[in-house]
PDB file of N, CA and C in Angstrom:
ATOM      1  N   MET A   1       0.858  -1.167   0.000  1.00  0.00           N
ATOM      2  CA  MET A   1       0.000   0.000   0.000  1.00  0.00           C
ATOM      3  C   MET A   1       0.898   1.223   0.000  1.00  0.00           C
ATOM      4  N   GLN A   2       0.639   2.137  -0.887  1.00  0.00           N
ATOM      5  CA  GLN A   2       1.404   3.356  -0.925  1.00  0.00           C
ATOM      6  C   GLN A   2       0.466   4.502  -0.608  1.00  0.00           C
ATOM      7  N   LEU A   3       0.599   5.032   0.593  1.00  0.00           N
ATOM      8  CA  LEU A   3      -0.220   6.146   1.042  1.00  0.00           C
ATOM      9  C   LEU A   3       0.671   7.358   1.144  1.00  0.00           C
ATOM     10  N   SER A   4       0.199   8.496   0.653  1.00  0.00           N
ATOM     11  CA  SER A   4       1.058   9.663   0.687  1.00  0.00           C
ATOM     12  C   SER A   4       0.291  10.939   0.961  1.00  0.00           C
ATOM     13  N   SER A   5       1.044  11.938   1.379  1.00  0.00           N
ATOM     14  CA  SER A   5       0.535  13.277   1.614  1.00  0.00           C
ATOM     15  C   SER A   5       1.073  14.164   0.501  1.00  0.00           C
ATOM     16  N   ASN A   6       0.306  15.128   0.060  1.00  0.00           N
ATOM     17  CA  ASN A   6       0.734  15.984  -1.041  1.00  0.00           C
ATOM     18  C   ASN A   6       1.346  17.292  -0.580  1.00  0.00           C
ATOM     19  N   SER A   7       1.960  17.313   0.595  1.00  0.00           N
ATOM     20  CA  SER A   7       2.574  18.543   1.081  1.00  0.00           C
ATOM     21  C   SER A   7       3.829  18.849   0.277  1.00  0.00           C
ATOM     22  N   GLY A   8       4.280  20.114   0.303  1.00  0.00           N
ATOM     23  CA  GLY A   8       5.477  20.525  -0.422  1.00  0.00           C
ATOM     24  C   GLY A   8       6.704  19.801   0.096  1.00  0.00           C
ATOM     25  N   LEU A   9       7.649  19.557  -0.775  1.00  0.00           N
ATOM     26  CA  LEU A   9       8.838  18.814  -0.390  1.00  0.00           C
ATOM     27  C   LEU A   9       9.944  19.754   0.052  1.00  0.00           C
ATOM     28  N   ALA A  10      10.361  19.633   1.293  1.00  0.00           N
ATOM     29  CA  ALA A  10      11.522  20.381   1.766  1.00  0.00           C
ATOM     30  C   ALA A  10      12.765  19.551   1.447  1.00  0.00           C
ATOM     31  N   HIS A  11      12.775  18.308   1.854  1.00  0.00           N
ATOM     32  CA  HIS A  11      13.869  17.385   1.584  1.00  0.00           C
ATOM     33  C   HIS A  11      13.350  15.986   1.832  1.00  0.00           C
ATOM     34  N   ARG A  12      13.316  15.162   0.800  1.00  0.00           N
ATOM     35  CA  ARG A  12      12.801  13.796   0.954  1.00  0.00           C
ATOM     36  C   ARG A  12      13.838  12.924   1.638  1.00  0.00           C
ATOM     37  N   ALA A  13      13.359  12.132   2.570  1.00  0.00           N
ATOM     38  CA  ALA A  13      14.223  11.249   3.342  1.00  0.00           C
ATOM     39  C   ALA A  13      13.392  10.068   3.804  1.00  0.00           C
ATOM     40  N   THR A  14      14.016   9.117   4.478  1.00  0.00           N
ATOM     41  CA  THR A  14      13.292   8.026   5.108  1.00  0.00           C
ATOM     42  C   THR A  14      13.512   8.128   6.611  1.00  0.00           C
ATOM     43  N   LEU A  15      12.798   7.321   7.371  1.00  0.00           N
ATOM     44  CA  LEU A  15      12.987   7.318   8.820  1.00  0.00           C
ATOM     45  C   LEU A  15      14.443   7.030   9.187  1.00  0.00           C
ATOM     46  N   LEU A  16      15.127   6.225   8.391  1.00  0.00           N
ATOM     47  CA  LEU A  16      16.524   5.894   8.699  1.00  0.00           C
ATOM     48  C   LEU A  16      17.458   7.090   8.587  1.00  0.00           C
ATOM     49  N   ASP A  17      17.034   8.140   7.887  1.00  0.00           N
ATOM     50  CA  ASP A  17      17.875   9.325   7.721  1.00  0.00           C
ATOM     51  C   ASP A  17      17.819  10.284   8.908  1.00  0.00           C
ATOM     52  N   LEU A  18      16.843  10.097   9.799  1.00  0.00           N
ATOM     53  CA  LEU A  18      16.706  11.009  10.937  1.00  0.00           C
ATOM     54  C   LEU A  18      17.825  10.802  11.947  1.00  0.00           C
ATOM     55  N   ALA A  19      18.273  11.903  12.536  1.00  0.00           N
ATOM     56  CA  ALA A  19      19.242  11.868  13.634  1.00  0.00           C
ATOM     57  C   ALA A  19      18.455  11.797  14.949  1.00  0.00           C
ATOM     58  N   PRO A  20      19.055  11.280  16.007  1.00  0.00           N
ATOM     59  CA  PRO A  20      18.355  11.248  17.298  1.00  0.00           C
ATOM     60  C   PRO A  20      17.806  12.627  17.670  1.00  0.00           C
ATOM     61  N   GLY A  21      16.524  12.668  18.033  1.00  0.00           N
ATOM     62  CA  GLY A  21      15.871  13.915  18.415  1.00  0.00           C
ATOM     63  C   GLY A  21      15.286  14.700  17.255  1.00  0.00           C
ATOM     64  N   GLU A  22      15.639  14.355  16.037  1.00  0.00           N
ATOM     65  CA  GLU A  22      15.145  15.082  14.863  1.00  0.00           C
ATOM     66  C   GLU A  22      13.705  14.695  14.556  1.00  0.00           C
ATOM     67  N   GLU A  23      12.912  15.671  14.116  1.00  0.00           N
ATOM     68  CA  GLU A  23      11.515  15.454  13.727  1.00  0.00           C
ATOM     69  C   GLU A  23      11.346  15.714  12.243  1.00  0.00           C
ATOM     70  N   ALA A  24      10.341  15.085  11.659  1.00  0.00           N
ATOM     71  CA  ALA A  24      10.000  15.306  10.258  1.00  0.00           C
ATOM     72  C   ALA A  24       8.521  14.987  10.067  1.00  0.00           C
ATOM     73  N   THR A  25       7.994  15.398   8.934  1.00  0.00           N
ATOM     74  CA  THR A  25       6.602  15.128   8.596  1.00  0.00           C
ATOM     75  C   THR A  25       6.538  13.878   7.735  1.00  0.00           C
ATOM     76  N   LEU A  26       5.684  12.933   8.126  1.00  0.00           N
ATOM     77  CA  LEU A  26       5.535  11.704   7.372  1.00  0.00           C
ATOM     78  C   LEU A  26       4.886  12.007   6.031  1.00  0.00           C
ATOM     79  N   LEU A  27       5.504  11.520   4.986  1.00  0.00           N
ATOM     80  CA  LEU A  27       5.034  11.791   3.631  1.00  0.00           C
ATOM     81  C   LEU A  27       4.353  10.576   3.006  1.00  0.00           C
ATOM     82  N   GLU A  28       4.962   9.386   3.159  1.00  0.00           N
ATOM     83  CA  GLU A  28       4.479   8.242   2.403  1.00  0.00           C
ATOM     84  C   GLU A  28       4.858   6.926   3.084  1.00  0.00           C
ATOM     85  N   LEU A  29       3.934   5.983   3.072  1.00  0.00           N
ATOM     86  CA  LEU A  29       4.187   4.613   3.532  1.00  0.00           C
ATOM     87  C   LEU A  29       4.213   3.731   2.296  1.00  0.00           C
ATOM     88  N   ASP A  30       5.352   3.179   1.965  1.00  0.00           N
ATOM     89  CA  ASP A  30       5.479   2.308   0.805  1.00  0.00           C
ATOM     90  C   ASP A  30       5.701   0.891   1.312  1.00  0.00           C
ATOM     91  N   LEU A  31       4.647   0.323   1.888  1.00  0.00           N
ATOM     92  CA  LEU A  31       4.703  -0.967   2.576  1.00  0.00           C
ATOM     93  C   LEU A  31       3.527  -1.838   2.149  1.00  0.00           C
ATOM     94  N   PRO A  32       3.626  -3.145   2.396  1.00  0.00           N
ATOM     95  CA  PRO A  32       2.467  -4.013   2.135  1.00  0.00           C
ATOM     96  C   PRO A  32       1.249  -3.532   2.932  1.00  0.00           C
ATOM     97  N   ASP A  33       0.062  -3.772   2.392  1.00  0.00           N
ATOM     98  CA  ASP A  33      -1.180  -3.280   3.001  1.00  0.00           C
ATOM     99  C   ASP A  33      -1.292  -3.596   4.490  1.00  0.00           C
ATOM    100  N   GLU A  34      -1.025  -4.827   4.862  1.00  0.00           N
ATOM    101  CA  GLU A  34      -1.183  -5.235   6.262  1.00  0.00           C
ATOM    102  C   GLU A  34      -0.258  -4.447   7.192  1.00  0.00           C
ATOM    103  N   VAL A  35       0.980  -4.251   6.777  1.00  0.00           N
ATOM    104  CA  VAL A  35       1.951  -3.516   7.597  1.00  0.00           C
ATOM    105  C   VAL A  35       1.577  -2.032   7.645  1.00  0.00           C
ATOM    106  N   ALA A  36       1.230  -1.454   6.493  1.00  0.00           N
ATOM    107  CA  ALA A  36       0.847  -0.046   6.452  1.00  0.00           C
ATOM    108  C   ALA A  36      -0.367   0.211   7.337  1.00  0.00           C
ATOM    109  N   HIS A  37      -1.352  -0.661   7.271  1.00  0.00           N
ATOM    110  CA  HIS A  37      -2.565  -0.503   8.080  1.00  0.00           C
ATOM    111  C   HIS A  37      -2.224  -0.550   9.576  1.00  0.00           C
ATOM    112  N   ARG A  38      -1.391  -1.495   9.975  1.00  0.00           N
ATOM    113  CA  ARG A  38      -1.002  -1.614  11.379  1.00  0.00           C
ATOM    114  C   ARG A  38      -0.273  -0.339  11.849  1.00  0.00           C
ATOM    115  N   LEU A  39       0.631   0.173  11.021  1.00  0.00           N
ATOM    116  CA  LEU A  39       1.355   1.390  11.397  1.00  0.00           C
ATOM    117  C   LEU A  39       0.438   2.605  11.440  1.00  0.00           C
ATOM    118  N   MET A  40      -0.535   2.664  10.551  1.00  0.00           N
ATOM    119  CA  MET A  40      -1.476   3.783  10.578  1.00  0.00           C
ATOM    120  C   MET A  40      -2.292   3.773  11.860  1.00  0.00           C
ATOM    121  N   ILE A  41      -2.662   2.606  12.337  1.00  0.00           N
ATOM    122  CA  ILE A  41      -3.383   2.505  13.610  1.00  0.00           C
ATOM    123  C   ILE A  41      -2.525   3.067  14.744  1.00  0.00           C
ATOM    124  N   LEU A  42      -1.204   2.887  14.639  1.00  0.00           N
ATOM    125  CA  LEU A  42      -0.282   3.380  15.666  1.00  0.00           C
ATOM    126  C   LEU A  42       0.036   4.868  15.513  1.00  0.00           C
ATOM    127  N   GLY A  43      -0.455   5.513  14.441  1.00  0.00           N
ATOM    128  CA  GLY A  43      -0.252   6.945  14.270  1.00  0.00           C
ATOM    129  C   GLY A  43       0.618   7.347  13.100  1.00  0.00           C
ATOM    130  N   PHE A  44       1.168   6.391  12.365  1.00  0.00           N
ATOM    131  CA  PHE A  44       2.001   6.695  11.200  1.00  0.00           C
ATOM    132  C   PHE A  44       1.101   6.997  10.004  1.00  0.00           C
ATOM    133  N   VAL A  45       0.565   8.210  10.006  1.00  0.00           N
ATOM    134  CA  VAL A  45      -0.371   8.656   8.979  1.00  0.00           C
ATOM    135  C   VAL A  45       0.286   9.806   8.216  1.00  0.00           C
ATOM    136  N   PRO A  46       0.214   9.804   6.873  1.00  0.00           N
ATOM    137  CA  PRO A  46       0.789  10.918   6.126  1.00  0.00           C
ATOM    138  C   PRO A  46       0.311  12.261   6.676  1.00  0.00           C
ATOM    139  N   GLY A  47       1.274  13.151   6.886  1.00  0.00           N
ATOM    140  CA  GLY A  47       0.999  14.466   7.452  1.00  0.00           C
ATOM    141  C   GLY A  47       1.323  14.564   8.929  1.00  0.00           C
ATOM    142  N   SER A  48       1.502  13.427   9.598  1.00  0.00           N
ATOM    143  CA  SER A  48       1.820  13.449  11.029  1.00  0.00           C
ATOM    144  C   SER A  48       3.310  13.700  11.244  1.00  0.00           C
ATOM    145  N   THR A  49       3.648  14.153  12.443  1.00  0.00           N
ATOM    146  CA  THR A  49       5.044  14.406  12.810  1.00  0.00           C
ATOM    147  C   THR A  49       5.610  13.178  13.495  1.00  0.00           C
ATOM    148  N   VAL A  50       6.807  12.794  13.082  1.00  0.00           N
ATOM    149  CA  VAL A  50       7.484  11.640  13.660  1.00  0.00           C
ATOM    150  C   VAL A  50       8.899  12.064  14.070  1.00  0.00           C
ATOM    151  N   ALA A  51       9.363  11.554  15.203  1.00  0.00           N
ATOM    152  CA  ALA A  51      10.700  11.891  15.712  1.00  0.00           C
ATOM    153  C   ALA A  51      11.466  10.618  16.018  1.00  0.00           C
ATOM    154  N   TYR A  52      12.767  10.667  15.800  1.00  0.00           N
ATOM    155  CA  TYR A  52      13.649   9.554  16.145  1.00  0.00           C
ATOM    156  C   TYR A  52      13.999   9.721  17.621  1.00  0.00           C
ATOM    157  N   ALA A  53      13.544   8.797  18.465  1.00  0.00           N
ATOM    158  CA  ALA A  53      13.730   8.912  19.911  1.00  0.00           C
ATOM    159  C   ALA A  53      15.029   8.257  20.383  1.00  0.00           C
ATOM    160  N   ARG A  54      15.264   6.999  19.983  1.00  0.00           N
ATOM    161  CA  ARG A  54      16.458   6.270  20.430  1.00  0.00           C
ATOM    162  C   ARG A  54      16.557   4.973  19.644  1.00  0.00           C
ATOM    163  N   SER A  55      17.631   4.212  19.889  1.00  0.00           N
ATOM    164  CA  SER A  55      17.768   2.923  19.220  1.00  0.00           C
ATOM    165  C   SER A  55      18.250   1.875  20.207  1.00  0.00           C
ATOM    166  N   ALA A  56      18.123   0.631  19.815  1.00  0.00           N
ATOM    167  CA  ALA A  56      18.659  -0.478  20.600  1.00  0.00           C
ATOM    168  C   ALA A  56      20.186  -0.369  20.578  1.00  0.00           C
ATOM    169  N   PRO A  57      20.882  -1.017  21.498  1.00  0.00           N
ATOM    170  CA  PRO A  57      22.347  -0.925  21.542  1.00  0.00           C
ATOM    171  C   PRO A  57      23.038  -1.229  20.212  1.00  0.00           C
ATOM    172  N   GLY A  58      22.534  -2.153  19.435  1.00  0.00           N
ATOM    173  CA  GLY A  58      23.136  -2.464  18.138  1.00  0.00           C
ATOM    174  C   GLY A  58      22.655  -1.561  17.014  1.00  0.00           C
ATOM    175  N   GLY A  59      21.723  -0.653  17.306  1.00  0.00           N
ATOM    176  CA  GLY A  59      21.217   0.279  16.303  1.00  0.00           C
ATOM    177  C   GLY A  59      19.919  -0.153  15.621  1.00  0.00           C
ATOM    178  N   ASP A  60      19.491  -1.391  15.823  1.00  0.00           N
ATOM    179  CA  ASP A  60      18.264  -1.872  15.186  1.00  0.00           C
ATOM    180  C   ASP A  60      17.554  -2.804  16.159  1.00  0.00           C
ATOM    181  N   PRO A  61      16.314  -2.548  16.513  1.00  0.00           N
ATOM    182  CA  PRO A  61      15.421  -1.550  15.938  1.00  0.00           C
ATOM    183  C   PRO A  61      15.675  -0.160  16.520  1.00  0.00           C
ATOM    184  N   ARG A  62      15.030   0.805  15.883  1.00  0.00           N
ATOM    185  CA  ARG A  62      15.027   2.182  16.363  1.00  0.00           C
ATOM    186  C   ARG A  62      13.638   2.485  16.910  1.00  0.00           C
ATOM    187  N   VAL A  63      13.585   3.405  17.851  1.00  0.00           N
ATOM    188  CA  VAL A  63      12.311   3.815  18.439  1.00  0.00           C
ATOM    189  C   VAL A  63      11.962   5.199  17.910  1.00  0.00           C
ATOM    190  N   TYR A  64      10.754   5.315  17.389  1.00  0.00           N
ATOM    191  CA  TYR A  64      10.246   6.580  16.852  1.00  0.00           C
ATOM    192  C   TYR A  64       9.042   7.013  17.674  1.00  0.00           C
ATOM    193  N   ARG A  65       8.917   8.312  17.868  1.00  0.00           N
ATOM    194  CA  ARG A  65       7.786   8.872  18.605  1.00  0.00           C
ATOM    195  C   ARG A  65       6.823   9.478  17.591  1.00  0.00           C
ATOM    196  N   VAL A  66       5.570   9.014  17.645  1.00  0.00           N
ATOM    197  CA  VAL A  66       4.533   9.526  16.759  1.00  0.00           C
ATOM    198  C   VAL A  66       3.228   9.545  17.539  1.00  0.00           C
ATOM    199  N   ASP A  67       2.510  10.633  17.448  1.00  0.00           N
ATOM    200  CA  ASP A  67       1.201  10.776  18.086  1.00  0.00           C
ATOM    201  C   ASP A  67       1.251  10.423  19.573  1.00  0.00           C
ATOM    202  N   GLY A  68       2.340  10.824  20.252  1.00  0.00           N
ATOM    203  CA  GLY A  68       2.470  10.617  21.689  1.00  0.00           C
ATOM    204  C   GLY A  68       2.883   9.223  22.112  1.00  0.00           C
ATOM    205  N   ALA A  69       3.161   8.343  21.160  1.00  0.00           N
ATOM    206  CA  ALA A  69       3.547   6.966  21.487  1.00  0.00           C
ATOM    207  C   ALA A  69       4.939   6.660  20.945  1.00  0.00           C
ATOM    208  N   ASP A  70       5.658   5.774  21.613  1.00  0.00           N
ATOM    209  CA  ASP A  70       6.950   5.295  21.145  1.00  0.00           C
ATOM    210  C   ASP A  70       6.736   3.952  20.456  1.00  0.00           C
ATOM    211  N   VAL A  71       7.250   3.849  19.219  1.00  0.00           N
ATOM    212  CA  VAL A  71       7.075   2.643  18.417  1.00  0.00           C
ATOM    213  C   VAL A  71       8.438   2.210  17.897  1.00  0.00           C
ATOM    214  N   ALA A  72       8.797   0.955  18.124  1.00  0.00           N
ATOM    215  CA  ALA A  72      10.064   0.407  17.633  1.00  0.00           C
ATOM    216  C   ALA A  72       9.847  -0.191  16.249  1.00  0.00           C
ATOM    217  N   LEU A  73      10.721   0.189  15.310  1.00  0.00           N
ATOM    218  CA  LEU A  73      10.656  -0.334  13.949  1.00  0.00           C
ATOM    219  C   LEU A  73      12.028  -0.817  13.514  1.00  0.00           C
ATOM    220  N   ARG A  74      12.065  -1.932  12.840  1.00  0.00           N
ATOM    221  CA  ARG A  74      13.305  -2.438  12.264  1.00  0.00           C
ATOM    222  C   ARG A  74      13.686  -1.580  11.061  1.00  0.00           C
ATOM    223  N   GLY A  75      14.954  -1.568  10.741  1.00  0.00           N
ATOM    224  CA  GLY A  75      15.455  -0.767   9.629  1.00  0.00           C
ATOM    225  C   GLY A  75      14.784  -1.072   8.307  1.00  0.00           C
ATOM    226  N   GLU A  76      14.491  -2.338   8.041  1.00  0.00           N
ATOM    227  CA  GLU A  76      13.866  -2.715   6.772  1.00  0.00           C
ATOM    228  C   GLU A  76      12.483  -2.082   6.615  1.00  0.00           C
ATOM    229  N   THR A  77      11.771  -1.872   7.712  1.00  0.00           N
ATOM    230  CA  THR A  77      10.465  -1.199   7.664  1.00  0.00           C
ATOM    231  C   THR A  77      10.651   0.305   7.596  1.00  0.00           C
ATOM    232  N   ALA A  78      11.523   0.854   8.443  1.00  0.00           N
ATOM    233  CA  ALA A  78      11.763   2.301   8.483  1.00  0.00           C
ATOM    234  C   ALA A  78      12.246   2.834   7.135  1.00  0.00           C
ATOM    235  N   ARG A  79      12.956   2.026   6.381  1.00  0.00           N
ATOM    236  CA  ARG A  79      13.480   2.428   5.069  1.00  0.00           C
ATOM    237  C   ARG A  79      12.356   2.680   4.065  1.00  0.00           C
ATOM    238  N   GLN A  80      11.173   2.125   4.307  1.00  0.00           N
ATOM    239  CA  GLN A  80      10.052   2.264   3.384  1.00  0.00           C
ATOM    240  C   GLN A  80       9.084   3.386   3.772  1.00  0.00           C
ATOM    241  N   ILE A  81       9.440   4.154   4.790  1.00  0.00           N
ATOM    242  CA  ILE A  81       8.590   5.265   5.243  1.00  0.00           C
ATOM    243  C   ILE A  81       9.313   6.561   4.900  1.00  0.00           C
ATOM    244  N   ARG A  82       8.730   7.314   3.987  1.00  0.00           N
ATOM    245  CA  ARG A  82       9.361   8.523   3.486  1.00  0.00           C
ATOM    246  C   ARG A  82       8.838   9.763   4.223  1.00  0.00           C
ATOM    247  N   LEU A  83       9.741  10.737   4.327  1.00  0.00           N
ATOM    248  CA  LEU A  83       9.462  11.935   5.115  1.00  0.00           C
ATOM    249  C   LEU A  83       9.802  13.205   4.369  1.00  0.00           C
ATOM    250  N   ASN A  84       9.252  14.308   4.859  1.00  0.00           N
ATOM    251  CA  ASN A  84       9.704  15.656   4.509  1.00  0.00           C
ATOM    252  C   ASN A  84      10.506  16.138   5.704  1.00  0.00           C
ATOM    253  N   ARG A  85      11.793  16.340   5.530  1.00  0.00           N
ATOM    254  CA  ARG A  85      12.625  16.880   6.604  1.00  0.00           C
ATOM    255  C   ARG A  85      12.613  18.390   6.533  1.00  0.00           C
ATOM    256  N   GLN A  86      12.491  19.002   7.676  1.00  0.00           N
ATOM    257  CA  GLN A  86      12.554  20.462   7.753  1.00  0.00           C
ATOM    258  C   GLN A  86      14.010  20.862   7.814  1.00  0.00           C
ATOM    259  N   MET A  87      14.435  21.680   6.918  1.00  0.00           N
ATOM    260  CA  MET A  87      15.848  22.083   6.857  1.00  0.00           C
ATOM    261  C   MET A  87      16.041  23.411   7.559  1.00  0.00           C
TER     262      MET A  87
END
């Protein structure tokens, strides 16, 4: 499922491009329907703000904060979520 927001592009990136503490606007979920639907229930909706909170000691998974909740995502999933980074 590819869900996207039509907001202006400041700088396209994925969740993996965020630095700790950095926030960005979610632009697009390019994931299978079942995974995209599950993430949308958790708040990963195009247009929402997502922040990189922290990571596991080995760097994967990473924890992202969205809609007041912390959600851990593996790199393979985070790579398919595109963002507008504010420069």
